[in-house]
Protein backbone atom coordinates (compact mmCIF):
# COMPACT_ATOMS: atom_id res chain seq x y z
CA MET A 1 -13.41 -48.23 -20.14
CA ASN A 2 -16.97 -49.12 -19.09
CA LYS A 3 -16.19 -48.09 -15.53
CA ILE A 4 -14.94 -44.68 -16.69
CA VAL A 5 -18.13 -44.14 -18.68
CA LEU A 6 -20.23 -45.20 -15.68
CA VAL A 7 -18.37 -42.79 -13.39
CA ALA A 8 -18.83 -39.95 -15.87
CA VAL A 9 -22.55 -40.64 -16.20
CA LEU A 10 -23.01 -40.79 -12.43
CA LEU A 11 -21.10 -37.57 -11.85
CA LEU A 12 -23.06 -35.75 -14.54
CA SER A 13 -26.38 -37.03 -13.27
CA THR A 14 -25.65 -35.97 -9.69
CA SER A 15 -24.67 -32.48 -10.77
CA MET A 16 -27.95 -32.17 -12.68
CA VAL A 17 -30.10 -33.37 -9.80
CA LYS A 18 -30.92 -30.59 -7.39
CA ALA A 19 -30.80 -31.39 -3.72
CA GLU A 20 -34.10 -31.83 -2.01
CA THR A 21 -35.24 -28.53 -0.64
CA ILE A 22 -34.54 -28.14 3.05
CA ASN A 23 -37.55 -26.61 4.75
CA LEU A 24 -36.80 -24.75 7.96
CA GLU A 25 -40.39 -23.49 8.15
CA CYS A 26 -39.21 -19.88 8.20
CA GLU A 27 -42.73 -18.41 8.33
CA ARG A 28 -43.60 -20.41 11.43
CA LEU A 29 -40.27 -19.62 13.07
CA ALA A 30 -40.66 -15.90 12.35
CA ASN A 31 -44.13 -15.86 13.89
CA THR A 32 -42.92 -17.78 16.94
CA MET A 33 -40.00 -15.38 17.36
CA ILE A 34 -42.27 -12.32 17.14
CA THR A 35 -44.67 -13.78 19.69
CA ARG A 36 -41.88 -14.60 22.12
CA LEU A 37 -40.21 -11.21 21.75
CA VAL A 38 -43.48 -9.42 22.40
CA ASP A 39 -44.25 -11.70 25.38
CA GLU A 40 -40.80 -11.02 26.86
CA GLY A 41 -41.21 -7.27 26.39
CA LEU A 42 -38.28 -7.09 23.99
CA LEU A 43 -40.37 -5.93 21.04
CA LEU A 44 -43.02 -3.25 21.07
CA SER A 45 -46.42 -4.61 20.25
CA ALA A 46 -46.94 -1.89 17.63
CA GLU A 47 -47.67 -3.43 14.23
CA GLN A 48 -44.86 -1.61 12.35
CA HIS A 49 -42.22 -3.03 14.74
CA GLN A 50 -43.55 -6.56 14.34
CA ILE A 51 -43.64 -6.30 10.54
CA ARG A 52 -40.02 -5.14 10.42
CA ALA A 53 -38.89 -7.83 12.88
CA ARG A 54 -40.72 -10.50 10.85
CA LYS A 55 -38.97 -9.37 7.63
CA ILE A 56 -35.57 -9.52 9.34
CA SER A 57 -36.29 -12.96 10.77
CA LEU A 58 -37.48 -14.33 7.41
CA LYS A 59 -34.43 -12.98 5.60
CA LEU A 60 -32.05 -14.55 8.12
CA CYS A 61 -33.88 -17.88 8.13
CA ARG A 62 -33.94 -18.09 4.34
CA GLY A 63 -30.20 -17.37 4.25
CA VAL A 64 -29.58 -20.24 6.65
CA GLN A 65 -31.86 -22.47 4.57
CA LYS A 66 -29.94 -21.74 1.35
CA SER A 67 -26.63 -22.33 3.11
CA ALA A 68 -27.89 -25.68 4.44
CA GLU A 69 -29.02 -26.70 0.95
CA ARG A 70 -25.60 -25.85 -0.51
CA GLN A 71 -23.80 -27.78 2.22
CA HIS A 72 -26.12 -30.76 1.74
CA GLN A 73 -25.50 -30.78 -2.02
CA LYS A 74 -21.72 -30.62 -1.52
CA ALA A 75 -21.87 -33.48 0.99
CA GLN A 76 -23.93 -35.63 -1.39
CA THR A 77 -21.53 -35.01 -4.28
CA SER A 78 -18.51 -35.71 -2.09
CA ALA A 79 -20.02 -38.93 -0.74
CA LEU A 80 -20.79 -40.18 -4.24
CA GLN A 81 -17.32 -39.32 -5.52
CA ASN A 82 -15.72 -41.05 -2.54
CA TRP A 83 -17.83 -44.14 -3.08
CA ILE A 84 -17.05 -44.27 -6.81
CA PHE A 85 -13.31 -43.74 -6.48
CA GLU A 86 -12.81 -45.87 -3.36
CA ASN A 87 -14.84 -48.82 -4.65
CA ARG A 88 -12.13 -50.04 -7.04
CA PRO A 89 -10.87 -53.59 -6.70
CA ASP A 90 -7.63 -52.67 -8.51
CA LYS A 91 -6.54 -50.09 -5.92
CA PRO A 92 -3.10 -50.85 -4.41
CA GLY A 93 -4.59 -51.08 -0.92
CA ASN A 94 -7.18 -53.58 -2.08
CA LYS A 95 -4.53 -55.68 -3.84
CA ARG A 96 -2.43 -55.66 -0.67
CA LEU A 97 -5.42 -56.81 1.43
CA LYS A 98 -6.16 -59.64 -1.02
CA GLY A 99 -2.57 -60.78 -0.62
CA LEU A 100 -3.01 -61.06 3.15
CA LYS A 101 -5.93 -63.51 2.87
């Protein structure tokens, strides 16, 4: 019974804790991309073209950042659930291994 309560508390607490924010430094990456595109002659050096390209770059980078945060949160939750449910001494596999000793 105590183990069930502990598992429930751990699962609830992990769902309440937000994953650490993943920082891809989107502003810096956008500026680097603009500079490289201009240097390579792929983007006109006119200010309106650079502003639009920067907005597109930031939007894409932030989308990737949010996706990475979601994946990280899912991986953390999955790892904790696996640890909780696999760390049971009364599992049939664990009983079988004890019998082999």
